[in-house]
Amino acid sequence: MASVFVLQHVHSREDGNEDVKFIGVYSSREKADGAVARLSHLPGFSDAPDGFHVDEYRVDRDQWVDGYVVTENA
């Protein structure tokens, strides 16, 4: 079964929030890793080099299958 590789960058801010950047979808892990290499020295990304995340997703499959529960903020 075919897979794609999703690249995101997460930067934790001082206020506790996360700044998430969706970078792209790649046909191989190698191509996603190449994007990390190209981007890792650019402004912002270079401040949080460990923020890159590559996740593999199978094509034509549900990725979230457990439902969810909405909770009220206290």
Protein backbone atom coordinates (compact mmCIF):
# COMPACT_ATOMS: atom_id res chain seq x y z
CA MET A 1 0.00 0.00 0.00
CA ALA A 2 1.28 3.48 -0.88
CA SER A 3 2.37 5.97 1.75
CA VAL A 4 3.03 9.68 1.87
CA PHE A 5 5.26 11.52 4.32
CA VAL A 6 3.95 14.69 5.96
CA LEU A 7 6.49 17.25 7.17
CA GLN A 8 5.61 19.78 9.87
CA HIS A 9 7.60 22.06 12.12
CA VAL A 10 6.55 22.77 15.71
CA HIS A 11 8.02 25.64 17.71
CA SER A 12 7.06 25.95 21.39
CA ARG A 13 6.54 29.59 22.27
CA GLU A 14 7.37 31.23 25.59
CA ASP A 15 3.65 31.65 26.37
CA GLY A 16 3.20 27.85 26.25
CA ASN A 17 1.48 27.78 22.88
CA GLU A 18 2.82 25.90 19.88
CA ASP A 19 3.39 27.42 16.46
CA VAL A 20 2.85 24.63 13.92
CA LYS A 21 3.90 25.00 10.29
CA PHE A 22 2.61 22.51 7.72
CA ILE A 23 5.52 22.28 5.28
CA GLY A 24 4.56 19.63 2.75
CA VAL A 25 3.68 16.12 1.65
CA TYR A 26 6.38 13.95 0.07
CA SER A 27 6.40 10.65 -1.78
CA SER A 28 9.31 9.23 0.24
CA ARG A 29 10.99 9.62 3.60
CA GLU A 30 14.18 10.59 1.77
CA LYS A 31 12.45 13.52 0.05
CA ALA A 32 10.96 14.70 3.35
CA ASP A 33 14.40 14.47 4.98
CA GLY A 34 15.81 16.48 2.05
CA ALA A 35 13.29 19.23 2.77
CA VAL A 36 14.40 19.28 6.40
CA ALA A 37 18.01 19.66 5.25
CA ARG A 38 17.07 22.54 2.92
CA LEU A 39 14.96 24.40 5.48
CA SER A 40 16.78 23.76 8.75
CA HIS A 41 19.15 26.72 8.40
CA LEU A 42 16.49 29.29 7.44
CA PRO A 43 15.30 31.96 9.89
CA GLY A 44 12.92 30.59 12.48
CA PHE A 45 13.59 26.96 11.63
CA SER A 46 17.21 27.34 12.72
CA ASP A 47 16.02 28.55 16.14
CA ALA A 48 14.22 25.23 16.72
CA PRO A 49 16.07 22.57 14.71
CA ASP A 50 14.44 19.75 16.68
CA GLY A 51 10.98 20.97 15.71
CA PHE A 52 10.79 19.06 12.42
CA HIS A 53 8.47 16.05 12.39
CA VAL A 54 7.96 13.59 9.55
CA ASP A 55 4.98 11.24 9.81
CA GLU A 56 4.08 8.43 7.44
CA TYR A 57 0.45 8.10 6.36
CA ARG A 58 -1.02 5.28 4.33
CA VAL A 59 -3.03 6.50 1.35
CA ASP A 60 -6.77 5.73 1.21
CA ARG A 61 -7.03 4.91 4.93
CA ASP A 62 -8.80 6.65 7.77
CA GLN A 63 -6.16 8.13 10.06
CA TRP A 64 -8.42 8.99 13.01
CA VAL A 65 -10.67 6.07 13.86
CA ASP A 66 -11.43 6.42 17.59
CA GLY A 67 -13.87 9.34 17.62
CA TYR A 68 -13.38 12.18 20.09
CA VAL A 69 -14.84 13.83 23.17
CA VAL A 70 -15.28 17.58 23.58
CA THR A 71 -14.36 18.84 27.03
CA GLU A 72 -15.13 22.24 28.49
CA ASN A 73 -12.21 24.43 29.55
CA ALA A 74 -12.23 25.06 33.27
